[in-house]
């Protein structure tokens, strides 16, 4: 699967769907966590259309949301805290200061919200400690 490095590249590949922003910058998750997002966009899931290709073959079903933040905001991400609980599309590390999550279908609302949990465990048998909320808003 491919992942665009920025919005411009996503548009050039013709996989771009929607840009998102934070309700406030930086976004305060709780007293000790804040996220300074540089950019966020939703794109179709896609594969490279051949070796060294800038063209994309769009997957029939599925979307991916990429968030570019700064390293300070993402300190400890995936080790001491996570956005999402598994039940609400948890984000994974992607590339330098970026996190990504997937959707099977387009989000139905302009605002998307996730719980933020302490720790890095997604197992159903381990209780989740919710430490805050994270939300983004579609840019009109």
N, C-alpha and C. Protein backbone atom coordinates (compact mmCIF):
# COMPACT_ATOMS: atom_id res chain seq x y z
N UNK A 1 0.85 -1.19 0.00
CA UNK A 1 0.00 0.00 0.00
C UNK A 1 0.88 1.24 0.00
N UNK A 2 0.41 2.27 -0.66
CA UNK A 2 1.14 3.52 -0.70
C UNK A 2 0.57 4.54 0.28
N UNK A 3 1.38 5.51 0.64
CA UNK A 3 0.98 6.61 1.49
C UNK A 3 1.61 7.87 0.93
N UNK A 4 0.81 8.88 0.66
CA UNK A 4 1.35 10.14 0.17
C UNK A 4 2.09 10.85 1.30
N UNK A 5 3.15 11.56 0.95
CA UNK A 5 3.96 12.25 1.96
C UNK A 5 3.39 13.61 2.34
N UNK A 6 2.51 14.15 1.49
CA UNK A 6 1.89 15.45 1.77
C UNK A 6 0.64 15.60 0.91
N UNK A 7 -0.10 16.68 1.14
CA UNK A 7 -1.36 16.90 0.42
C UNK A 7 -1.10 17.09 -1.07
N UNK A 8 -0.07 17.83 -1.42
CA UNK A 8 0.25 18.06 -2.83
C UNK A 8 0.45 16.74 -3.57
N UNK A 9 1.23 15.86 -2.97
CA UNK A 9 1.48 14.55 -3.59
C UNK A 9 0.20 13.73 -3.70
N UNK A 10 -0.66 13.80 -2.69
CA UNK A 10 -1.93 13.09 -2.72
C UNK A 10 -2.80 13.59 -3.87
N UNK A 11 -2.83 14.90 -4.08
CA UNK A 11 -3.60 15.47 -5.18
C UNK A 11 -2.99 15.09 -6.53
N UNK A 12 -1.67 15.12 -6.64
CA UNK A 12 -1.02 14.75 -7.90
C UNK A 12 -1.30 13.30 -8.28
N UNK A 13 -1.41 12.42 -7.29
CA UNK A 13 -1.70 11.00 -7.56
C UNK A 13 -3.19 10.76 -7.79
N UNK A 14 -3.99 11.80 -7.55
CA UNK A 14 -5.45 11.73 -7.70
C UNK A 14 -6.09 10.75 -6.71
N UNK A 15 -5.53 10.72 -5.50
CA UNK A 15 -6.10 9.89 -4.43
C UNK A 15 -6.66 10.75 -3.29
N UNK A 16 -6.46 12.06 -3.36
CA UNK A 16 -6.88 13.00 -2.33
C UNK A 16 -8.41 13.05 -2.23
N UNK A 17 -8.90 13.12 -0.96
CA UNK A 17 -10.34 13.21 -0.70
C UNK A 17 -10.68 14.49 0.06
N UNK A 18 -10.01 14.75 1.19
CA UNK A 18 -10.43 15.83 2.09
C UNK A 18 -9.29 16.25 2.99
N UNK A 19 -9.18 17.54 3.26
CA UNK A 19 -8.22 18.06 4.23
C UNK A 19 -8.94 18.26 5.57
N UNK A 20 -8.17 18.13 6.67
CA UNK A 20 -8.71 18.32 8.01
C UNK A 20 -7.84 19.29 8.78
N UNK A 21 -8.44 19.89 9.80
CA UNK A 21 -7.71 20.81 10.69
C UNK A 21 -8.10 20.50 12.13
N UNK A 22 -7.34 21.07 13.04
CA UNK A 22 -7.66 20.94 14.46
C UNK A 22 -8.66 22.02 14.85
N UNK A 23 -9.51 21.75 15.84
CA UNK A 23 -10.42 22.80 16.33
C UNK A 23 -9.66 23.96 16.97
N UNK A 24 -8.46 23.69 17.49
CA UNK A 24 -7.59 24.73 18.07
C UNK A 24 -6.15 24.27 17.92
N UNK A 25 -5.23 25.22 17.85
CA UNK A 25 -3.81 24.87 17.68
C UNK A 25 -3.00 25.52 18.79
N UNK A 26 -2.18 24.77 19.53
CA UNK A 26 -2.14 23.31 19.52
C UNK A 26 -3.41 22.75 20.15
N UNK A 27 -3.69 21.51 19.84
CA UNK A 27 -4.88 20.85 20.37
C UNK A 27 -4.52 20.19 21.69
N UNK A 28 -5.22 20.58 22.76
CA UNK A 28 -4.96 20.03 24.10
C UNK A 28 -5.79 18.76 24.29
N UNK A 29 -5.10 17.64 24.43
CA UNK A 29 -5.76 16.36 24.70
C UNK A 29 -6.09 16.27 26.18
N UNK A 30 -5.13 16.67 27.01
CA UNK A 30 -5.32 16.77 28.46
C UNK A 30 -4.25 17.71 29.00
N UNK A 31 -4.05 17.74 30.31
CA UNK A 31 -3.08 18.67 30.90
C UNK A 31 -1.64 18.42 30.48
N UNK A 32 -1.32 17.19 30.12
CA UNK A 32 0.08 16.88 29.78
C UNK A 32 0.30 16.54 28.31
N UNK A 33 -0.76 16.37 27.52
CA UNK A 33 -0.62 16.03 26.11
C UNK A 33 -1.26 17.10 25.23
N UNK A 34 -0.50 17.55 24.25
CA UNK A 34 -1.01 18.50 23.25
C UNK A 34 -0.45 18.08 21.90
N UNK A 35 -1.23 18.26 20.85
CA UNK A 35 -0.79 17.89 19.51
C UNK A 35 -0.72 19.13 18.64
N UNK A 36 0.44 19.35 18.05
CA UNK A 36 0.64 20.44 17.11
C UNK A 36 0.67 19.82 15.72
N UNK A 37 -0.46 19.87 15.04
CA UNK A 37 -0.60 19.22 13.74
C UNK A 37 -0.18 20.18 12.63
N UNK A 38 0.66 19.70 11.73
CA UNK A 38 1.09 20.50 10.58
C UNK A 38 0.12 20.35 9.42
N UNK A 39 -0.36 19.13 9.18
CA UNK A 39 -1.35 18.89 8.13
C UNK A 39 -2.03 17.56 8.37
N UNK A 40 -3.21 17.41 7.76
CA UNK A 40 -3.96 16.16 7.85
C UNK A 40 -4.86 16.06 6.63
N UNK A 41 -4.91 14.87 6.04
CA UNK A 41 -5.75 14.67 4.88
C UNK A 41 -6.21 13.22 4.80
N UNK A 42 -7.36 13.07 4.17
CA UNK A 42 -7.92 11.76 3.90
C UNK A 42 -7.69 11.46 2.42
N UNK A 43 -7.24 10.25 2.15
CA UNK A 43 -7.04 9.86 0.77
C UNK A 43 -7.54 8.43 0.57
N UNK A 44 -7.81 8.08 -0.69
CA UNK A 44 -8.15 6.70 -1.01
C UNK A 44 -6.96 5.82 -0.67
N UNK A 45 -7.21 4.60 -0.25
CA UNK A 45 -6.11 3.64 -0.13
C UNK A 45 -5.68 3.32 -1.56
N UNK A 46 -4.37 3.15 -1.75
CA UNK A 46 -3.86 2.96 -3.10
C UNK A 46 -2.58 2.15 -3.10
N UNK A 47 -2.23 1.66 -4.27
CA UNK A 47 -0.98 0.94 -4.50
C UNK A 47 -0.25 1.61 -5.65
N UNK A 48 1.08 1.48 -5.65
CA UNK A 48 1.86 2.00 -6.77
C UNK A 48 1.49 1.25 -8.04
N UNK A 49 1.32 1.98 -9.12
CA UNK A 49 0.95 1.39 -10.42
C UNK A 49 2.21 1.06 -11.19
N UNK A 50 3.04 0.17 -10.64
CA UNK A 50 4.28 -0.23 -11.28
C UNK A 50 5.49 0.27 -10.52
N UNK A 51 6.66 -0.28 -10.82
CA UNK A 51 7.88 0.12 -10.12
C UNK A 51 8.23 1.58 -10.40
N UNK A 52 8.67 2.28 -9.37
CA UNK A 52 9.08 3.69 -9.47
C UNK A 52 8.02 4.57 -10.11
N UNK A 53 6.77 4.26 -9.86
CA UNK A 53 5.68 4.99 -10.50
C UNK A 53 5.12 6.08 -9.60
N UNK A 54 4.79 7.21 -10.20
CA UNK A 54 4.12 8.26 -9.45
C UNK A 54 2.60 8.11 -9.60
N UNK A 55 2.16 7.16 -10.41
CA UNK A 55 0.73 6.89 -10.58
C UNK A 55 0.27 5.90 -9.52
N UNK A 56 -1.04 5.93 -9.26
CA UNK A 56 -1.59 5.08 -8.21
C UNK A 56 -2.76 4.27 -8.74
N UNK A 57 -2.84 3.03 -8.28
CA UNK A 57 -4.03 2.21 -8.48
C UNK A 57 -4.85 2.32 -7.20
N UNK A 58 -6.03 2.92 -7.30
CA UNK A 58 -6.88 3.12 -6.13
C UNK A 58 -7.55 1.81 -5.74
N UNK A 59 -7.51 1.50 -4.45
CA UNK A 59 -8.18 0.32 -3.92
C UNK A 59 -9.70 0.56 -3.97
N UNK A 60 -10.45 -0.48 -4.19
CA UNK A 60 -11.89 -0.36 -4.33
C UNK A 60 -12.56 0.16 -3.06
N UNK A 61 -12.18 -0.39 -1.93
CA UNK A 61 -12.77 0.02 -0.65
C UNK A 61 -11.66 0.45 0.30
N UNK A 62 -11.84 1.56 0.94
CA UNK A 62 -10.91 1.96 1.98
C UNK A 62 -10.31 3.33 1.78
N UNK A 63 -10.08 3.98 2.91
CA UNK A 63 -9.50 5.32 2.96
C UNK A 63 -8.47 5.33 4.07
N UNK A 64 -7.52 6.23 3.97
CA UNK A 64 -6.53 6.40 5.03
C UNK A 64 -6.40 7.88 5.36
N UNK A 65 -6.31 8.14 6.65
CA UNK A 65 -6.16 9.49 7.16
C UNK A 65 -4.74 9.62 7.68
N UNK A 66 -4.00 10.59 7.13
CA UNK A 66 -2.61 10.81 7.52
C UNK A 66 -2.53 12.13 8.26
N UNK A 67 -1.88 12.12 9.41
CA UNK A 67 -1.66 13.34 10.19
C UNK A 67 -0.15 13.54 10.32
N UNK A 68 0.30 14.72 9.92
CA UNK A 68 1.70 15.11 10.10
C UNK A 68 1.73 16.06 11.29
N UNK A 69 2.52 15.73 12.28
CA UNK A 69 2.65 16.56 13.48
C UNK A 69 4.12 16.91 13.65
N UNK A 70 4.51 17.35 14.82
CA UNK A 70 5.94 17.56 15.09
C UNK A 70 6.40 16.51 16.10
N UNK A 71 7.70 16.28 16.15
CA UNK A 71 8.23 15.22 17.00
C UNK A 71 7.93 15.47 18.48
N UNK A 72 7.88 16.71 18.90
CA UNK A 72 7.58 17.02 20.30
C UNK A 72 6.15 16.57 20.65
N UNK A 73 5.21 16.85 19.75
CA UNK A 73 3.82 16.44 19.99
C UNK A 73 3.66 14.93 20.06
N UNK A 74 4.43 14.21 19.27
CA UNK A 74 4.29 12.76 19.19
C UNK A 74 5.24 12.01 20.12
N UNK A 75 5.90 12.73 21.01
CA UNK A 75 6.83 12.07 21.94
C UNK A 75 6.07 11.02 22.76
N UNK A 76 6.57 9.81 22.75
CA UNK A 76 5.96 8.71 23.50
C UNK A 76 4.80 8.05 22.79
N UNK A 77 4.47 8.53 21.58
CA UNK A 77 3.33 7.94 20.87
C UNK A 77 3.63 6.48 20.53
N UNK A 78 2.68 5.61 20.79
CA UNK A 78 2.85 4.19 20.54
C UNK A 78 3.56 3.46 21.66
N UNK A 79 4.09 4.21 22.62
CA UNK A 79 4.77 3.62 23.77
C UNK A 79 4.02 3.92 25.07
N UNK A 80 3.66 5.18 25.26
CA UNK A 80 2.98 5.57 26.50
C UNK A 80 1.56 6.08 26.25
N UNK A 81 1.20 6.35 25.00
CA UNK A 81 -0.16 6.78 24.69
C UNK A 81 -0.49 6.50 23.22
N UNK A 82 -1.79 6.38 22.94
CA UNK A 82 -2.29 6.11 21.60
C UNK A 82 -3.55 6.91 21.34
N UNK A 83 -3.76 7.32 20.09
CA UNK A 83 -5.04 7.89 19.67
C UNK A 83 -5.85 6.74 19.12
N UNK A 84 -6.98 6.47 19.76
CA UNK A 84 -7.84 5.36 19.37
C UNK A 84 -7.71 4.21 20.35
N UNK A 85 -8.72 3.37 20.35
CA UNK A 85 -8.75 2.25 21.28
C UNK A 85 -8.89 0.91 20.58
N UNK A 86 -8.78 0.90 19.28
CA UNK A 86 -9.02 -0.32 18.52
C UNK A 86 -10.45 -0.37 18.03
N UNK A 87 -11.38 0.05 18.89
CA UNK A 87 -12.79 0.10 18.51
C UNK A 87 -13.07 1.33 17.65
N UNK A 88 -12.20 2.33 17.72
CA UNK A 88 -12.42 3.57 16.95
C UNK A 88 -11.20 3.93 16.10
N UNK A 89 -10.74 3.00 15.30
CA UNK A 89 -9.65 3.19 14.33
C UNK A 89 -8.40 3.82 14.94
N UNK A 90 -7.64 3.02 15.63
CA UNK A 90 -6.40 3.46 16.26
C UNK A 90 -5.37 3.88 15.21
N UNK A 91 -4.63 4.94 15.51
CA UNK A 91 -3.56 5.42 14.64
C UNK A 91 -2.29 4.62 14.87
N UNK A 92 -1.55 4.40 13.81
CA UNK A 92 -0.24 3.75 13.87
C UNK A 92 0.81 4.73 13.38
N UNK A 93 2.06 4.49 13.77
CA UNK A 93 3.16 5.29 13.23
C UNK A 93 3.26 5.04 11.74
N UNK A 94 3.66 6.06 11.00
CA UNK A 94 3.67 5.94 9.54
C UNK A 94 5.07 6.24 8.99
N UNK A 95 5.50 7.46 9.05
CA UNK A 95 6.84 7.88 8.68
C UNK A 95 7.14 9.11 9.50
N UNK A 96 8.38 9.59 9.45
CA UNK A 96 8.78 10.76 10.25
C UNK A 96 7.61 11.57 10.80
N UNK A 97 7.41 11.64 12.02
CA UNK A 97 6.41 12.52 12.65
C UNK A 97 5.02 12.43 12.02
N UNK A 98 4.65 11.26 11.57
CA UNK A 98 3.32 11.06 10.98
C UNK A 98 2.65 9.84 11.59
N UNK A 99 1.33 9.94 11.70
CA UNK A 99 0.52 8.81 12.15
C UNK A 99 -0.60 8.61 11.12
N UNK A 100 -1.12 7.39 11.06
CA UNK A 100 -2.11 7.05 10.04
C UNK A 100 -3.15 6.11 10.62
N UNK A 101 -4.38 6.25 10.13
CA UNK A 101 -5.45 5.31 10.46
C UNK A 101 -6.26 5.04 9.20
N UNK A 102 -7.04 3.98 9.24
CA UNK A 102 -7.81 3.57 8.07
C UNK A 102 -9.31 3.61 8.37
N UNK A 103 -10.08 3.82 7.30
CA UNK A 103 -11.54 3.77 7.35
C UNK A 103 -12.01 2.86 6.22
N UNK A 104 -13.02 2.06 6.49
CA UNK A 104 -13.59 1.22 5.42
C UNK A 104 -14.46 2.05 4.50
N UNK A 105 -15.12 3.09 5.06
CA UNK A 105 -15.94 3.98 4.24
C UNK A 105 -15.70 5.42 4.67
N UNK A 106 -16.16 6.35 3.85
CA UNK A 106 -15.96 7.77 4.15
C UNK A 106 -16.61 8.14 5.47
N UNK A 107 -15.93 8.97 6.29
CA UNK A 107 -16.56 9.47 7.51
C UNK A 107 -17.85 10.22 7.16
N UNK A 108 -18.89 10.02 7.94
CA UNK A 108 -20.19 10.61 7.64
C UNK A 108 -20.37 12.01 8.22
N UNK A 109 -19.47 12.43 9.10
CA UNK A 109 -19.58 13.76 9.72
C UNK A 109 -18.32 14.57 9.45
N UNK A 110 -18.44 15.88 9.56
CA UNK A 110 -17.29 16.77 9.35
C UNK A 110 -16.28 16.67 10.49
N UNK A 111 -16.75 16.37 11.70
CA UNK A 111 -15.87 16.23 12.85
C UNK A 111 -15.69 14.74 13.17
N UNK A 112 -14.44 14.33 13.30
CA UNK A 112 -14.13 12.95 13.66
C UNK A 112 -13.45 12.98 15.02
N UNK A 113 -13.87 12.10 15.92
CA UNK A 113 -13.33 12.09 17.28
C UNK A 113 -12.88 10.70 17.68
N UNK A 114 -11.78 10.67 18.43
CA UNK A 114 -11.22 9.43 18.96
C UNK A 114 -10.96 9.60 20.45
N UNK A 115 -11.01 8.50 21.18
CA UNK A 115 -10.52 8.49 22.56
C UNK A 115 -9.01 8.39 22.51
N UNK A 116 -8.35 8.94 23.51
CA UNK A 116 -6.90 8.82 23.65
C UNK A 116 -6.65 7.98 24.88
N UNK A 117 -5.86 6.92 24.70
CA UNK A 117 -5.62 6.01 25.81
C UNK A 117 -4.17 6.06 26.28
N UNK A 118 -4.00 5.75 27.53
CA UNK A 118 -2.68 5.61 28.11
C UNK A 118 -2.15 4.22 27.77
N UNK A 119 -0.86 4.12 27.52
CA UNK A 119 -0.26 2.84 27.21
C UNK A 119 -0.28 2.55 25.73
N UNK A 120 0.16 1.34 25.38
CA UNK A 120 0.24 0.95 23.98
C UNK A 120 -0.46 -0.37 23.73
N UNK A 121 -1.31 -0.80 24.65
CA UNK A 121 -1.97 -2.10 24.53
C UNK A 121 -3.34 -1.97 23.88
N UNK A 122 -3.63 -2.81 22.91
CA UNK A 122 -4.93 -2.81 22.27
C UNK A 122 -5.70 -4.10 22.56
N UNK A 123 -5.11 -5.00 23.35
CA UNK A 123 -5.75 -6.28 23.64
C UNK A 123 -7.07 -6.07 24.37
N UNK A 124 -8.08 -6.85 24.01
CA UNK A 124 -9.40 -6.73 24.63
C UNK A 124 -9.37 -7.07 26.12
N UNK A 125 -8.44 -7.94 26.52
CA UNK A 125 -8.39 -8.38 27.91
C UNK A 125 -7.75 -7.35 28.84
N UNK A 126 -7.10 -6.34 28.28
CA UNK A 126 -6.44 -5.32 29.11
C UNK A 126 -7.33 -4.08 29.17
N UNK A 127 -7.70 -3.65 30.38
CA UNK A 127 -8.56 -2.46 30.48
C UNK A 127 -7.85 -1.22 29.92
N UNK A 128 -8.59 -0.42 29.22
CA UNK A 128 -8.03 0.80 28.64
C UNK A 128 -8.25 1.97 29.59
N UNK A 129 -7.24 2.79 29.74
CA UNK A 129 -7.35 3.99 30.56
C UNK A 129 -7.43 5.17 29.60
N UNK A 130 -8.61 5.78 29.52
CA UNK A 130 -8.83 6.89 28.61
C UNK A 130 -8.35 8.17 29.30
N UNK A 131 -7.44 8.89 28.63
CA UNK A 131 -6.85 10.10 29.22
C UNK A 131 -7.29 11.38 28.52
N UNK A 132 -8.10 11.26 27.48
CA UNK A 132 -8.57 12.44 26.78
C UNK A 132 -9.24 12.10 25.48
N UNK A 133 -9.54 13.14 24.71
CA UNK A 133 -10.18 13.00 23.40
C UNK A 133 -9.35 13.75 22.37
N UNK A 134 -9.44 13.29 21.12
CA UNK A 134 -8.79 13.96 20.00
C UNK A 134 -9.81 14.09 18.89
N UNK A 135 -9.93 15.28 18.31
CA UNK A 135 -10.87 15.46 17.22
C UNK A 135 -10.27 16.36 16.15
N UNK A 136 -10.73 16.14 14.92
CA UNK A 136 -10.34 16.96 13.78
C UNK A 136 -11.60 17.33 13.03
N UNK A 137 -11.51 18.42 12.24
CA UNK A 137 -12.66 18.96 11.53
C UNK A 137 -12.31 19.09 10.04
N UNK A 138 -13.25 18.69 9.18
CA UNK A 138 -13.04 18.80 7.74
C UNK A 138 -12.94 20.27 7.34
N UNK A 139 -12.01 20.58 6.45
CA UNK A 139 -11.85 21.94 5.93
C UNK A 139 -12.83 22.09 4.78
N UNK A 140 -13.64 23.12 4.84
CA UNK A 140 -14.65 23.38 3.79
C UNK A 140 -14.10 24.30 2.75
